Each structure stands twice: as structure tokens, then as C-alpha cells.
Amino acid sequence: MNTQDCILTRRSVRKFTNEPVAPETVEQVVSLAAFAPSWKNTQVSRYLAVIEPEDRAQICQYVPDYNARIIDQCSVLLAQTFVKSRSGYERDGSFSTDRGPG
């Protein structure tokens, strides 16, 4: 598949099966996500795989109902987080641009 076909045929899926996801599949998805570009290659993204139903249920208590319904259906929830105050900063802690912390 070429890039244009991939973009034009992309779909969002919000219905999931109860089929478990193999840990190797989760690791592969996260490994591929690491190839996404980052500011000055700072690699600030961190990923959490929420596999246990009890943990997903706890997360559902803190999100809007429409998100909770989706999270409740999935077998694995992948959450992307980031390292704060690293992207956009030089090694000495100064800002990389005139935007400061913005």
C-alpha cells in the first residue's frame, strides 16, 4: 500500500472484540510508534499498556462517559505520555526557541 492510499482509506475503529492482544503485538506497536519524529530527536514519548480490566475500569472513572464506553470495550489501552521540560529545551536547560516554555 502506498502512503496516499493509506491516508485516504484510514478509518477510526471504536468497536472492539474481547479477543486478547498478544504482548508481542503490543511491543511491536510501541516499537513502531518510537519512530515518530520528535523535536531535535529528544524522544520524549513514553507508552503505558493498560491490560488488566480492573485498571481500565479505574481509568474509566476519570474520563468523560463517551471515552469510558470506548475504553471499557478494548482489550488493551495504550496511553502515550511524555517527559516534561525536555522537548524544546537545550541540554543546559535553556529554551531552544523564543517561545520559552510555550
PDB file of N, CA and C in Angstrom:
ATOM      1  N   MET A   1       0.847  -1.174   0.000  1.00  0.00           N
ATOM      2  CA  MET A   1       0.000   0.000   0.000  1.00  0.00           C
ATOM      3  C   MET A   1       0.893   1.238   0.000  1.00  0.00           C
ATOM      4  N   ASN A   2       0.556   2.216  -0.828  1.00  0.00           N
ATOM      5  CA  ASN A   2       1.346   3.446  -0.817  1.00  0.00           C
ATOM      6  C   ASN A   2       0.777   4.420   0.223  1.00  0.00           C
ATOM      7  N   THR A   3       1.513   5.469   0.485  1.00  0.00           N
ATOM      8  CA  THR A   3       1.145   6.419   1.539  1.00  0.00           C
ATOM      9  C   THR A   3      -0.204   7.066   1.279  1.00  0.00           C
ATOM     10  N   GLN A   4      -0.450   7.469   0.043  1.00  0.00           N
ATOM     11  CA  GLN A   4      -1.712   8.132  -0.280  1.00  0.00           C
ATOM     12  C   GLN A   4      -2.895   7.201  -0.011  1.00  0.00           C
ATOM     13  N   ASP A   5      -2.807   5.953  -0.457  1.00  0.00           N
ATOM     14  CA  ASP A   5      -3.884   5.003  -0.194  1.00  0.00           C
ATOM     15  C   ASP A   5      -4.079   4.785   1.295  1.00  0.00           C
ATOM     16  N   CYS A   6      -2.981   4.725   2.013  1.00  0.00           N
ATOM     17  CA  CYS A   6      -3.052   4.534   3.463  1.00  0.00           C
ATOM     18  C   CYS A   6      -3.806   5.686   4.125  1.00  0.00           C
ATOM     19  N   ILE A   7      -3.487   6.906   3.744  1.00  0.00           N
ATOM     20  CA  ILE A   7      -4.134   8.087   4.339  1.00  0.00           C
ATOM     21  C   ILE A   7      -5.604   8.160   3.948  1.00  0.00           C
ATOM     22  N   LEU A   8      -5.906   7.919   2.665  1.00  0.00           N
ATOM     23  CA  LEU A   8      -7.273   8.061   2.179  1.00  0.00           C
ATOM     24  C   LEU A   8      -8.202   6.944   2.638  1.00  0.00           C
ATOM     25  N   THR A   9      -7.668   5.789   2.977  1.00  0.00           N
ATOM     26  CA  THR A   9      -8.526   4.673   3.398  1.00  0.00           C
ATOM     27  C   THR A   9      -8.493   4.438   4.907  1.00  0.00           C
ATOM     28  N   ARG A  10      -7.796   5.295   5.652  1.00  0.00           N
ATOM     29  CA  ARG A  10      -7.708   5.173   7.102  1.00  0.00           C
ATOM     30  C   ARG A  10      -9.094   5.301   7.726  1.00  0.00           C
ATOM     31  N   ARG A  11      -9.340   4.521   8.740  1.00  0.00           N
ATOM     32  CA  ARG A  11     -10.606   4.567   9.457  1.00  0.00           C
ATOM     33  C   ARG A  11     -10.351   4.510  10.957  1.00  0.00           C
ATOM     34  N   SER A  12     -11.218   5.196  11.694  1.00  0.00           N
ATOM     35  CA  SER A  12     -11.172   5.098  13.152  1.00  0.00           C
ATOM     36  C   SER A  12     -12.093   3.960  13.573  1.00  0.00           C
ATOM     37  N   VAL A  13     -11.609   3.126  14.468  1.00  0.00           N
ATOM     38  CA  VAL A  13     -12.395   1.990  14.943  1.00  0.00           C
ATOM     39  C   VAL A  13     -12.723   2.232  16.408  1.00  0.00           C
ATOM     40  N   ARG A  14     -13.988   2.132  16.719  1.00  0.00           N
ATOM     41  CA  ARG A  14     -14.410   2.336  18.107  1.00  0.00           C
ATOM     42  C   ARG A  14     -15.232   1.158  18.625  1.00  0.00           C
ATOM     43  N   LYS A  15     -15.139   0.032  17.928  1.00  0.00           N
ATOM     44  CA  LYS A  15     -15.772  -1.208  18.381  1.00  0.00           C
ATOM     45  C   LYS A  15     -14.692  -2.262  18.432  1.00  0.00           C
ATOM     46  N   PHE A  16     -14.647  -2.978  19.520  1.00  0.00           N
ATOM     47  CA  PHE A  16     -13.565  -3.923  19.737  1.00  0.00           C
ATOM     48  C   PHE A  16     -14.116  -5.289  20.106  1.00  0.00           C
ATOM     49  N   THR A  17     -13.321  -6.307  19.863  1.00  0.00           N
ATOM     50  CA  THR A  17     -13.676  -7.658  20.301  1.00  0.00           C
ATOM     51  C   THR A  17     -13.084  -7.889  21.683  1.00  0.00           C
ATOM     52  N   ASN A  18     -13.473  -8.965  22.300  1.00  0.00           N
ATOM     53  CA  ASN A  18     -12.906  -9.335  23.597  1.00  0.00           C
ATOM     54  C   ASN A  18     -11.648 -10.170  23.437  1.00  0.00           C
ATOM     55  N   GLU A  19     -11.206 -10.350  22.206  1.00  0.00           N
ATOM     56  CA  GLU A  19     -10.029 -11.168  21.939  1.00  0.00           C
ATOM     57  C   GLU A  19      -8.795 -10.542  22.581  1.00  0.00           C
ATOM     58  N   PRO A  20      -8.041 -11.327  23.346  1.00  0.00           N
ATOM     59  CA  PRO A  20      -6.841 -10.756  23.974  1.00  0.00           C
ATOM     60  C   PRO A  20      -5.790 -10.386  22.925  1.00  0.00           C
ATOM     61  N   VAL A  21      -4.983  -9.411  23.258  1.00  0.00           N
ATOM     62  CA  VAL A  21      -3.901  -8.963  22.379  1.00  0.00           C
ATOM     63  C   VAL A  21      -2.599  -9.535  22.931  1.00  0.00           C
ATOM     64  N   ALA A  22      -1.848 -10.181  22.068  1.00  0.00           N
ATOM     65  CA  ALA A  22      -0.590 -10.798  22.493  1.00  0.00           C
ATOM     66  C   ALA A  22       0.396  -9.722  22.941  1.00  0.00           C
ATOM     67  N   PRO A  23       1.143  -9.967  24.014  1.00  0.00           N
ATOM     68  CA  PRO A  23       2.144  -8.988  24.462  1.00  0.00           C
ATOM     69  C   PRO A  23       3.132  -8.631  23.346  1.00  0.00           C
ATOM     70  N   GLU A  24       3.450  -9.580  22.486  1.00  0.00           N
ATOM     71  CA  GLU A  24       4.379  -9.301  21.378  1.00  0.00           C
ATOM     72  C   GLU A  24       3.793  -8.268  20.423  1.00  0.00           C
ATOM     73  N   THR A  25       2.470  -8.307  20.228  1.00  0.00           N
ATOM     74  CA  THR A  25       1.820  -7.325  19.358  1.00  0.00           C
ATOM     75  C   THR A  25       1.887  -5.936  19.973  1.00  0.00           C
ATOM     76  N   VAL A  26       1.632  -5.847  21.271  1.00  0.00           N
ATOM     77  CA  VAL A  26       1.716  -4.557  21.967  1.00  0.00           C
ATOM     78  C   VAL A  26       3.140  -4.007  21.859  1.00  0.00           C
ATOM     79  N   GLU A  27       4.117  -4.845  22.094  1.00  0.00           N
ATOM     80  CA  GLU A  27       5.520  -4.412  21.997  1.00  0.00           C
ATOM     81  C   GLU A  27       5.850  -3.940  20.587  1.00  0.00           C
ATOM     82  N   GLN A  28       5.336  -4.628  19.576  1.00  0.00           N
ATOM     83  CA  GLN A  28       5.607  -4.232  18.193  1.00  0.00           C
ATOM     84  C   GLN A  28       4.988  -2.874  17.883  1.00  0.00           C
ATOM     85  N   VAL A  29       3.762  -2.639  18.328  1.00  0.00           N
ATOM     86  CA  VAL A  29       3.098  -1.354  18.084  1.00  0.00           C
ATOM     87  C   VAL A  29       3.875  -0.222  18.755  1.00  0.00           C
ATOM     88  N   VAL A  30       4.284  -0.427  19.990  1.00  0.00           N
ATOM     89  CA  VAL A  30       5.043   0.606  20.709  1.00  0.00           C
ATOM     90  C   VAL A  30       6.400   0.829  20.040  1.00  0.00           C
ATOM     91  N   SER A  31       7.044  -0.235  19.619  1.00  0.00           N
ATOM     92  CA  SER A  31       8.337  -0.099  18.930  1.00  0.00           C
ATOM     93  C   SER A  31       8.197   0.716  17.656  1.00  0.00           C
ATOM     94  N   LEU A  32       7.127   0.499  16.916  1.00  0.00           N
ATOM     95  CA  LEU A  32       6.904   1.265  15.687  1.00  0.00           C
ATOM     96  C   LEU A  32       6.575   2.723  16.000  1.00  0.00           C
ATOM     97  N   ALA A  33       5.835   2.963  17.082  1.00  0.00           N
ATOM     98  CA  ALA A  33       5.496   4.339  17.467  1.00  0.00           C
ATOM     99  C   ALA A  33       6.752   5.138  17.807  1.00  0.00           C
ATOM    100  N   ALA A  34       7.789   4.463  18.261  1.00  0.00           N
ATOM    101  CA  ALA A  34       9.035   5.147  18.618  1.00  0.00           C
ATOM    102  C   ALA A  34       9.708   5.787  17.413  1.00  0.00           C
ATOM    103  N   PHE A  35       9.297   5.404  16.213  1.00  0.00           N
ATOM    104  CA  PHE A  35       9.858   6.002  15.005  1.00  0.00           C
ATOM    105  C   PHE A  35       9.221   7.347  14.657  1.00  0.00           C
ATOM    106  N   ALA A  36       8.190   7.750  15.389  1.00  0.00           N
ATOM    107  CA  ALA A  36       7.569   9.055  15.138  1.00  0.00           C
ATOM    108  C   ALA A  36       8.590  10.151  15.423  1.00  0.00           C
ATOM    109  N   PRO A  37       8.571  11.209  14.617  1.00  0.00           N
ATOM    110  CA  PRO A  37       9.556  12.279  14.832  1.00  0.00           C
ATOM    111  C   PRO A  37       9.331  13.023  16.146  1.00  0.00           C
ATOM    112  N   SER A  38      10.395  13.544  16.692  1.00  0.00           N
ATOM    113  CA  SER A  38      10.308  14.364  17.895  1.00  0.00           C
ATOM    114  C   SER A  38      11.264  15.554  17.746  1.00  0.00           C
ATOM    115  N   TRP A  39      10.991  16.613  18.481  1.00  0.00           N
ATOM    116  CA  TRP A  39      11.779  17.836  18.428  1.00  0.00           C
ATOM    117  C   TRP A  39      13.247  17.527  18.708  1.00  0.00           C
ATOM    118  N   LYS A  40      14.089  17.825  17.769  1.00  0.00           N
ATOM    119  CA  LYS A  40      15.532  17.626  17.909  1.00  0.00           C
ATOM    120  C   LYS A  40      15.869  16.207  18.382  1.00  0.00           C
ATOM    121  N   ASN A  41      15.025  15.261  17.983  1.00  0.00           N
ATOM    122  CA  ASN A  41      15.206  13.859  18.337  1.00  0.00           C
ATOM    123  C   ASN A  41      15.304  13.648  19.860  1.00  0.00           C
ATOM    124  N   THR A  42      14.494  14.386  20.598  1.00  0.00           N
ATOM    125  CA  THR A  42      14.547  14.287  22.057  1.00  0.00           C
ATOM    126  C   THR A  42      13.841  13.040  22.605  1.00  0.00           C
ATOM    127  N   GLN A  43      13.027  12.399  21.780  1.00  0.00           N
ATOM    128  CA  GLN A  43      12.383  11.134  22.177  1.00  0.00           C
ATOM    129  C   GLN A  43      11.701  11.232  23.543  1.00  0.00           C
ATOM    130  N   VAL A  44      10.755  12.152  23.657  1.00  0.00           N
ATOM    131  CA  VAL A  44      10.091  12.372  24.942  1.00  0.00           C
ATOM    132  C   VAL A  44       8.892  11.460  25.191  1.00  0.00           C
ATOM    133  N   SER A  45       8.428  10.748  24.177  1.00  0.00           N
ATOM    134  CA  SER A  45       7.241   9.904  24.340  1.00  0.00           C
ATOM    135  C   SER A  45       7.541   8.682  25.204  1.00  0.00           C
ATOM    136  N   ARG A  46       6.566   8.356  26.039  1.00  0.00           N
ATOM    137  CA  ARG A  46       6.603   7.141  26.844  1.00  0.00           C
ATOM    138  C   ARG A  46       5.238   6.493  26.689  1.00  0.00           C
ATOM    139  N   TYR A  47       5.198   5.188  26.703  1.00  0.00           N
ATOM    140  CA  TYR A  47       3.957   4.470  26.465  1.00  0.00           C
ATOM    141  C   TYR A  47       3.635   3.547  27.627  1.00  0.00           C
ATOM    142  N   LEU A  48       2.353   3.488  27.963  1.00  0.00           N
ATOM    143  CA  LEU A  48       1.863   2.600  29.004  1.00  0.00           C
ATOM    144  C   LEU A  48       0.815   1.683  28.380  1.00  0.00           C
ATOM    145  N   ALA A  49       0.929   0.395  28.600  1.00  0.00           N
ATOM    146  CA  ALA A  49      -0.071  -0.559  28.144  1.00  0.00           C
ATOM    147  C   ALA A  49      -0.907  -0.960  29.348  1.00  0.00           C
ATOM    148  N   VAL A  50      -2.184  -0.640  29.301  1.00  0.00           N
ATOM    149  CA  VAL A  50      -3.094  -0.977  30.395  1.00  0.00           C
ATOM    150  C   VAL A  50      -3.855  -2.228  29.963  1.00  0.00           C
ATOM    151  N   ILE A  51      -3.490  -3.349  30.545  1.00  0.00           N
ATOM    152  CA  ILE A  51      -4.008  -4.644  30.105  1.00  0.00           C
ATOM    153  C   ILE A  51      -5.090  -5.171  31.040  1.00  0.00           C
ATOM    154  N   GLU A  52      -4.924  -4.953  32.312  1.00  0.00           N
ATOM    155  CA  GLU A  52      -5.862  -5.512  33.293  1.00  0.00           C
ATOM    156  C   GLU A  52      -7.208  -4.790  33.246  1.00  0.00           C
ATOM    157  N   PRO A  53      -8.315  -5.538  33.163  1.00  0.00           N
ATOM    158  CA  PRO A  53      -9.642  -4.911  33.121  1.00  0.00           C
ATOM    159  C   PRO A  53      -9.917  -4.015  34.328  1.00  0.00           C
ATOM    160  N   GLU A  54      -9.411  -4.398  35.495  1.00  0.00           N
ATOM    161  CA  GLU A  54      -9.640  -3.582  36.696  1.00  0.00           C
ATOM    162  C   GLU A  54      -8.970  -2.211  36.559  1.00  0.00           C
ATOM    163  N   ASP A  55      -7.792  -2.184  35.948  1.00  0.00           N
ATOM    164  CA  ASP A  55      -7.084  -0.914  35.761  1.00  0.00           C
ATOM    165  C   ASP A  55      -7.814  -0.031  34.751  1.00  0.00           C
ATOM    166  N   ARG A  56      -8.322  -0.639  33.671  1.00  0.00           N
ATOM    167  CA  ARG A  56      -9.081   0.138  32.687  1.00  0.00           C
ATOM    168  C   ARG A  56     -10.369   0.673  33.308  1.00  0.00           C
ATOM    169  N   ALA A  57     -11.002  -0.142  34.148  1.00  0.00           N
ATOM    170  CA  ALA A  57     -12.230   0.301  34.818  1.00  0.00           C
ATOM    171  C   ALA A  57     -11.956   1.489  35.727  1.00  0.00           C
ATOM    172  N   GLN A  58     -10.810   1.479  36.385  1.00  0.00           N
ATOM    173  CA  GLN A  58     -10.451   2.605  37.253  1.00  0.00           C
ATOM    174  C   GLN A  58     -10.227   3.871  36.422  1.00  0.00           C
ATOM    175  N   ILE A  59      -9.581   3.737  35.268  1.00  0.00           N
ATOM    176  CA  ILE A  59      -9.367   4.890  34.377  1.00  0.00           C
ATOM    177  C   ILE A  59     -10.705   5.447  33.910  1.00  0.00           C
ATOM    178  N   CYS A  60     -11.666   4.568  33.649  1.00  0.00           N
ATOM    179  CA  CYS A  60     -12.980   4.999  33.165  1.00  0.00           C
ATOM    180  C   CYS A  60     -13.683   5.942  34.140  1.00  0.00           C
ATOM    181  N   GLN A  61     -13.329   5.865  35.422  1.00  0.00           N
ATOM    182  CA  GLN A  61     -13.940   6.744  36.417  1.00  0.00           C
ATOM    183  C   GLN A  61     -13.513   8.202  36.244  1.00  0.00           C
ATOM    184  N   TYR A  62     -12.415   8.451  35.517  1.00  0.00           N
ATOM    185  CA  TYR A  62     -11.847   9.796  35.428  1.00  0.00           C
ATOM    186  C   TYR A  62     -11.933  10.399  34.036  1.00  0.00           C
ATOM    187  N   VAL A  63     -12.614   9.738  33.121  1.00  0.00           N
ATOM    188  CA  VAL A  63     -12.737  10.260  31.752  1.00  0.00           C
ATOM    189  C   VAL A  63     -14.207  10.483  31.437  1.00  0.00           C
ATOM    190  N   PRO A  64     -14.499  11.307  30.431  1.00  0.00           N
ATOM    191  CA  PRO A  64     -15.904  11.506  30.043  1.00  0.00           C
ATOM    192  C   PRO A  64     -16.564  10.176  29.644  1.00  0.00           C
ATOM    193  N   ASP A  65     -17.884  10.115  29.783  1.00  0.00           N
ATOM    194  CA  ASP A  65     -18.618   8.877  29.511  1.00  0.00           C
ATOM    195  C   ASP A  65     -18.350   8.316  28.117  1.00  0.00           C
ATOM    196  N   TYR A  66     -18.288   9.190  27.091  1.00  0.00           N
ATOM    197  CA  TYR A  66     -18.076   8.678  25.736  1.00  0.00           C
ATOM    198  C   TYR A  66     -16.707   8.014  25.604  1.00  0.00           C
ATOM    199  N   ASN A  67     -15.701   8.480  26.312  1.00  0.00           N
ATOM    200  CA  ASN A  67     -14.394   7.819  26.305  1.00  0.00           C
ATOM    201  C   ASN A  67     -14.423   6.548  27.152  1.00  0.00           C
ATOM    202  N   ALA A  68     -15.138   6.593  28.256  1.00  0.00           N
ATOM    203  CA  ALA A  68     -15.221   5.425  29.132  1.00  0.00           C
ATOM    204  C   ALA A  68     -15.854   4.246  28.400  1.00  0.00           C
ATOM    205  N   ARG A  69     -16.874   4.510  27.572  1.00  0.00           N
ATOM    206  CA  ARG A  69     -17.512   3.425  26.819  1.00  0.00           C
ATOM    207  C   ARG A  69     -16.523   2.754  25.868  1.00  0.00           C
ATOM    208  N   ILE A  70     -15.663   3.544  25.242  1.00  0.00           N
ATOM    209  CA  ILE A  70     -14.670   3.003  24.316  1.00  0.00           C
ATOM    210  C   ILE A  70     -13.605   2.226  25.088  1.00  0.00           C
ATOM    211  N   ILE A  71     -13.098   2.817  26.155  1.00  0.00           N
ATOM    212  CA  ILE A  71     -12.054   2.170  26.958  1.00  0.00           C
ATOM    213  C   ILE A  71     -12.565   0.855  27.536  1.00  0.00           C
ATOM    214  N   ASP A  72     -13.826   0.849  27.943  1.00  0.00           N
ATOM    215  CA  ASP A  72     -14.411  -0.353  28.550  1.00  0.00           C
ATOM    216  C   ASP A  72     -14.472  -1.523  27.566  1.00  0.00           C
ATOM    217  N   GLN A  73     -14.546  -1.237  26.270  1.00  0.00           N
ATOM    218  CA  GLN A  73     -14.656  -2.282  25.252  1.00  0.00           C
ATOM    219  C   GLN A  73     -13.318  -2.877  24.829  1.00  0.00           C
ATOM    220  N   CYS A  74     -12.236  -2.154  24.999  1.00  0.00           N
ATOM    221  CA  CYS A  74     -10.960  -2.593  24.422  1.00  0.00           C
ATOM    222  C   CYS A  74     -10.247  -3.616  25.309  1.00  0.00           C
ATOM    223  N   SER A  75      -9.390  -4.413  24.667  1.00  0.00           N
ATOM    224  CA  SER A  75      -8.609  -5.417  25.403  1.00  0.00           C
ATOM    225  C   SER A  75      -7.348  -4.822  26.002  1.00  0.00           C
ATOM    226  N   VAL A  76      -6.780  -3.837  25.296  1.00  0.00           N
ATOM    227  CA  VAL A  76      -5.559  -3.164  25.747  1.00  0.00           C
ATOM    228  C   VAL A  76      -5.726  -1.676  25.480  1.00  0.00           C
ATOM    229  N   LEU A  77      -5.403  -0.869  26.455  1.00  0.00           N
ATOM    230  CA  LEU A  77      -5.398   0.580  26.278  1.00  0.00           C
ATOM    231  C   LEU A  77      -3.947   1.021  26.258  1.00  0.00           C
ATOM    232  N   LEU A  78      -3.525   1.649  25.157  1.00  0.00           N
ATOM    233  CA  LEU A  78      -2.170   2.204  25.080  1.00  0.00           C
ATOM    234  C   LEU A  78      -2.268   3.694  25.336  1.00  0.00           C
ATOM    235  N   ALA A  79      -1.553   4.153  26.333  1.00  0.00           N
ATOM    236  CA  ALA A  79      -1.547   5.573  26.668  1.00  0.00           C
ATOM    237  C   ALA A  79      -0.173   6.150  26.351  1.00  0.00           C
ATOM    238  N   GLN A  80      -0.172   7.281  25.667  1.00  0.00           N
ATOM    239  CA  GLN A  80       1.092   7.955  25.368  1.00  0.00           C
ATOM    240  C   GLN A  80       1.274   9.093  26.357  1.00  0.00           C
ATOM    241  N   THR A  81       2.419   9.134  26.995  1.00  0.00           N
ATOM    242  CA  THR A  81       2.775  10.219  27.907  1.00  0.00           C
ATOM    243  C   THR A  81       4.059  10.858  27.378  1.00  0.00           C
ATOM    244  N   PHE A  82       4.593  11.812  28.092  1.00  0.00           N
ATOM    245  CA  PHE A  82       5.823  12.464  27.638  1.00  0.00           C
ATOM    246  C   PHE A  82       6.657  12.911  28.828  1.00  0.00           C
ATOM    247  N   VAL A  83       7.924  13.142  28.574  1.00  0.00           N
ATOM    248  CA  VAL A  83       8.835  13.650  29.592  1.00  0.00           C
ATOM    249  C   VAL A  83       8.728  15.171  29.562  1.00  0.00           C
ATOM    250  N   LYS A  84       8.249  15.757  30.635  1.00  0.00           N
ATOM    251  CA  LYS A  84       8.038  17.202  30.722  1.00  0.00           C
ATOM    252  C   LYS A  84       9.372  17.961  30.755  1.00  0.00           C
ATOM    253  N   SER A  85       9.372  19.134  30.158  1.00  0.00           N
ATOM    254  CA  SER A  85      10.520  20.054  30.156  1.00  0.00           C
ATOM    255  C   SER A  85      11.756  19.471  29.475  1.00  0.00           C
ATOM    256  N   ARG A  86      11.550  18.611  28.503  1.00  0.00           N
ATOM    257  CA  ARG A  86      12.688  18.070  27.765  1.00  0.00           C
ATOM    258  C   ARG A  86      12.639  18.480  26.293  1.00  0.00           C
ATOM    259  N   SER A  87      11.460  18.388  25.679  1.00  0.00           N
ATOM    260  CA  SER A  87      11.322  18.789  24.285  1.00  0.00           C
ATOM    261  C   SER A  87      11.262  20.311  24.210  1.00  0.00           C
ATOM    262  N   GLY A  88      12.103  20.890  23.364  1.00  0.00           N
ATOM    263  CA  GLY A  88      12.147  22.343  23.239  1.00  0.00           C
ATOM    264  C   GLY A  88      13.178  22.997  24.139  1.00  0.00           C
ATOM    265  N   TYR A  89      13.975  22.187  24.815  1.00  0.00           N
ATOM    266  CA  TYR A  89      15.000  22.700  25.714  1.00  0.00           C
ATOM    267  C   TYR A  89      16.376  22.206  25.262  1.00  0.00           C
ATOM    268  N   GLU A  90      17.372  22.981  25.518  1.00  0.00           N
ATOM    269  CA  GLU A  90      18.753  22.566  25.264  1.00  0.00           C
ATOM    270  C   GLU A  90      19.238  21.749  26.459  1.00  0.00           C
ATOM    271  N   ARG A  91      20.370  21.108  26.313  1.00  0.00           N
ATOM    272  CA  ARG A  91      20.903  20.281  27.403  1.00  0.00           C
ATOM    273  C   ARG A  91      21.199  21.090  28.664  1.00  0.00           C
ATOM    274  N   ASP A  92      21.511  22.383  28.493  1.00  0.00           N
ATOM    275  CA  ASP A  92      21.800  23.218  29.664  1.00  0.00           C
ATOM    276  C   ASP A  92      20.533  23.750  30.337  1.00  0.00           C
ATOM    277  N   GLY A  93      19.358  23.387  29.809  1.00  0.00           N
ATOM    278  CA  GLY A  93      18.091  23.807  30.395  1.00  0.00           C
ATOM    279  C   GLY A  93      17.506  25.066  29.778  1.00  0.00           C
ATOM    280  N   SER A  94      18.234  25.733  28.890  1.00  0.00           N
ATOM    281  CA  SER A  94      17.715  26.937  28.234  1.00  0.00           C
ATOM    282  C   SER A  94      16.732  26.531  27.142  1.00  0.00           C
ATOM    283  N   PHE A  95      15.881  27.469  26.769  1.00  0.00           N
ATOM    284  CA  PHE A  95      14.877  27.206  25.744  1.00  0.00           C
ATOM    285  C   PHE A  95      15.521  27.145  24.369  1.00  0.00           C
ATOM    286  N   SER A  96      15.012  26.276  23.516  1.00  0.00           N
ATOM    287  CA  SER A  96      15.535  26.130  22.155  1.00  0.00           C
ATOM    288  C   SER A  96      14.986  27.191  21.205  1.00  0.00           C
ATOM    289  N   THR A  97      13.840  27.793  21.561  1.00  0.00           N
ATOM    290  CA  THR A  97      13.224  28.810  20.709  1.00  0.00           C
ATOM    291  C   THR A  97      12.857  30.022  21.547  1.00  0.00           C
ATOM    292  N   ASP A  98      12.403  31.054  20.874  1.00  0.00           N
ATOM    293  CA  ASP A  98      11.996  32.272  21.590  1.00  0.00           C
ATOM    294  C   ASP A  98      10.614  32.124  22.233  1.00  0.00           C
ATOM    295  N   ARG A  99       9.990  30.990  22.129  1.00  0.00           N
ATOM    296  CA  ARG A  99       8.675  30.749  22.732  1.00  0.00           C
ATOM    297  C   ARG A  99       8.771  30.386  24.198  1.00  0.00           C
ATOM    298  N   GLY A 100       9.950  30.197  24.695  1.00  0.00           N
ATOM    299  CA  GLY A 100      10.108  29.843  26.096  1.00  0.00           C
ATOM    300  C   GLY A 100       9.436  28.526  26.393  1.00  0.00           C
ATOM    301  N   PRO A 101       8.706  28.431  27.493  1.00  0.00           N
ATOM    302  CA  PRO A 101       8.073  27.171  27.837  1.00  0.00           C
ATOM    303  C   PRO A 101       6.792  26.888  27.031  1.00  0.00           C
ATOM    304  N   GLY A 102       6.439  27.774  26.082  1.00  0.00           N
ATOM    305  CA  GLY A 102       5.170  27.642  25.337  1.00  0.00           C
ATOM    306  C   GLY A 102       5.131  26.581  24.341  1.00  0.00           C
TER     307      GLY A 102
END
